Protein backbone atom coordinates (compact mmCIF):
# COMPACT_ATOMS: atom_id res chain seq x y z
CA MET A 1 114.26 72.66 85.55
CA ILE A 2 117.02 75.22 86.05
CA THR A 3 117.05 76.41 89.65
CA GLY A 4 119.83 79.02 89.51
CA LEU A 5 123.48 79.70 88.81
CA HIS A 6 125.87 77.37 90.65
CA HIS A 7 129.32 78.62 89.59
CA VAL A 8 131.43 80.53 87.11
CA ALA A 9 134.70 78.86 86.08
CA ILE A 10 137.82 80.85 85.24
CA SER A 11 140.91 79.30 83.68
CA VAL A 12 144.04 80.99 85.03
CA PRO A 13 147.79 80.64 84.41
CA ASP A 14 148.67 80.67 88.15
CA LEU A 15 146.21 79.06 90.58
CA GLU A 16 147.98 80.25 93.73
CA LYS A 17 147.96 83.87 92.54
CA ALA A 18 144.28 83.54 91.57
CA VAL A 19 143.38 82.05 94.97
CA ASP A 20 145.26 84.89 96.67
CA PHE A 21 143.13 87.40 94.76
CA TYR A 22 139.73 85.72 94.99
CA HIS A 23 140.19 84.39 98.55
CA GLU A 24 142.51 86.85 100.28
CA THR A 25 141.58 90.07 98.46
CA LEU A 26 137.90 89.53 97.59
CA GLY A 27 137.18 87.37 100.63
CA PHE A 28 135.60 84.31 98.99
CA GLU A 29 135.65 81.18 101.13
CA LYS A 30 137.67 78.15 99.98
CA THR A 31 135.31 75.16 99.76
CA PHE A 32 137.02 72.49 97.62
CA ASP A 33 140.30 71.85 95.84
CA SER A 34 141.69 69.05 93.71
CA LYS A 35 144.51 68.23 91.30
CA TRP A 36 145.34 65.37 88.97
CA GLU A 37 147.71 64.29 86.23
CA GLY A 38 145.90 62.22 83.61
CA ASP A 39 143.91 59.03 84.08
CA ARG A 40 140.70 60.81 85.05
CA PRO A 41 138.41 59.46 82.31
CA LYS A 42 135.20 60.70 83.94
CA SER A 43 136.56 64.23 84.40
CA ASP A 44 137.95 64.17 80.87
CA ARG A 45 134.57 63.03 79.53
CA VAL A 46 132.78 65.90 81.33
CA ILE A 47 135.33 68.46 80.10
CA GLY A 48 135.60 67.04 76.58
CA LEU A 49 139.40 66.70 76.67
CA SER A 50 141.72 63.75 77.22
CA GLN A 51 144.64 63.11 79.58
CA THR A 52 144.15 66.41 81.39
CA HIS A 53 146.53 67.61 84.08
CA ALA A 54 144.90 70.31 86.19
CA LYS A 55 144.45 71.95 89.57
CA VAL A 56 141.11 73.39 90.66
CA GLN A 57 139.88 75.49 93.59
CA MET A 58 136.19 76.13 94.29
CA LEU A 59 135.34 79.24 96.29
CA ASN A 60 132.03 80.30 97.81
CA ALA A 61 131.11 83.71 96.47
CA GLY A 62 127.98 84.25 98.56
CA ASN A 63 125.04 83.21 96.40
CA ALA A 64 127.16 81.28 93.87
CA PHE A 65 130.66 79.83 93.48
CA ILE A 66 133.80 80.77 91.55
CA GLU A 67 135.77 77.79 90.23
CA LEU A 68 139.42 78.50 89.38
CA TRP A 69 141.27 76.12 87.02
CA GLU A 70 144.95 75.88 86.15
CA TYR A 71 145.61 73.42 83.31
CA GLN A 72 149.05 72.01 82.65
CA GLN A 73 147.69 69.72 79.89
CA PRO A 74 146.46 70.47 77.39
CA SER A 75 148.58 73.59 77.16
CA PRO A 76 146.20 76.55 77.36
CA LEU A 77 146.31 79.47 74.97
CA PRO A 78 146.90 82.76 76.77
CA GLN A 79 144.06 85.25 76.98
CA ASP A 80 144.62 88.83 75.92
CA ASP A 81 144.72 90.56 79.32
CA LYS A 82 143.24 93.68 77.71
CA TYR A 83 140.35 91.95 75.92
CA SER A 84 137.32 94.10 75.27
CA PRO A 85 134.05 93.51 77.12
CA ALA A 86 132.52 93.56 73.62
CA ASP A 87 134.49 90.42 72.57
CA HIS A 88 132.54 87.18 72.22
CA GLY A 89 132.62 84.84 75.21
CA ILE A 90 132.13 85.57 78.89
CA ALA A 91 132.49 89.33 79.08
CA HIS A 92 132.70 89.74 82.86
CA ILE A 93 131.57 88.53 86.26
CA ALA A 94 129.67 90.96 88.47
CA LEU A 95 130.03 91.11 92.25
CA GLN A 96 127.19 92.73 94.17
CA VAL A 97 128.64 94.98 96.86
CA THR A 98 127.59 97.43 99.53
CA ASN A 99 129.40 100.77 99.75
CA ILE A 100 130.91 100.57 96.27
CA GLU A 101 133.20 103.56 96.85
CA GLU A 102 134.80 101.83 99.85
CA GLU A 103 135.19 98.52 97.98
CA TYR A 104 136.58 100.33 94.94
CA GLU A 105 139.24 102.04 97.08
CA ARG A 106 140.07 98.86 99.01
CA LEU A 107 140.47 96.80 95.84
CA ARG A 108 142.38 99.53 94.00
CA GLU A 109 144.82 99.74 96.92
CA ALA A 110 145.13 95.92 96.81
CA GLY A 111 146.27 96.14 93.17
CA MET A 112 143.05 95.61 91.20
CA THR A 113 142.98 97.89 88.16
CA PHE A 114 139.98 100.02 87.17
CA HIS A 115 139.54 102.37 84.22
CA ALA A 116 137.44 104.86 86.25
CA PRO A 117 135.79 105.35 89.62
CA PRO A 118 132.27 103.90 90.17
CA VAL A 119 129.52 105.40 88.02
CA ASP A 120 126.08 106.44 89.36
CA LEU A 121 123.49 104.82 87.06
CA GLY A 122 120.45 106.14 88.94
CA ASN A 123 119.23 103.03 90.77
CA SER A 124 122.67 101.45 90.93
CA PHE A 125 126.39 102.14 90.85
CA ALA A 126 128.85 100.09 88.79
CA ILE A 127 132.41 99.93 87.50
CA TYR A 128 134.55 97.37 85.67
CA GLY A 129 137.97 96.35 86.94
CA ARG A 130 140.40 93.52 86.17
CA ASP A 131 141.74 90.62 88.22
CA PRO A 132 145.49 89.84 88.10
CA PHE A 133 145.04 87.98 84.79
CA GLY A 134 142.96 90.61 82.98
CA ASN A 135 139.52 89.04 83.55
CA ILE A 136 136.86 91.72 83.93
CA VAL A 137 135.23 91.87 87.36
CA GLU A 138 132.35 94.33 87.80
CA LEU A 139 131.52 95.90 91.14
CA TYR A 140 127.75 96.48 91.31
CA GLU A 141 125.73 98.17 94.05
CA VAL A 142 121.95 98.44 94.01
CA SER A 143 121.08 101.88 95.35
CA GLY A 144 117.39 102.34 94.57
CA GLU A 145 114.20 100.34 94.38
CA ARG A 146 115.50 98.20 91.54
CA SER A 147 116.78 94.83 92.76
CA ILE A 148 118.52 93.67 89.58
């Protein structure tokens, strides 16, 4: 039985910069970190790779977690930092907010990029922005009777 979403994992080229953004800028709470250089057969078996070298930081994002990974081995392929939300794969993560206009301004001033101000969708407001690595992060505010 599936009981809910536990976490979303994001592979990043610079863990410290990612933690600065997700912890310092977005305010997620650090809950767990680890690092290793090979000889982690159980981790490798879960991941489906061998002789991994990685650092990981888990952050509490309210009702779920964000897990940030920086791999040194195997060497990761870079992501196009301007990928389209229509591309296959995880298109974005959405953060539920209150006062979207205030959060939009705060995050824009902190360096997060957006292609437009928040959009009124009737029962909600939303806008896509990008983290320091180009991953799409949606700000989403429920404004009417609709709860999802």
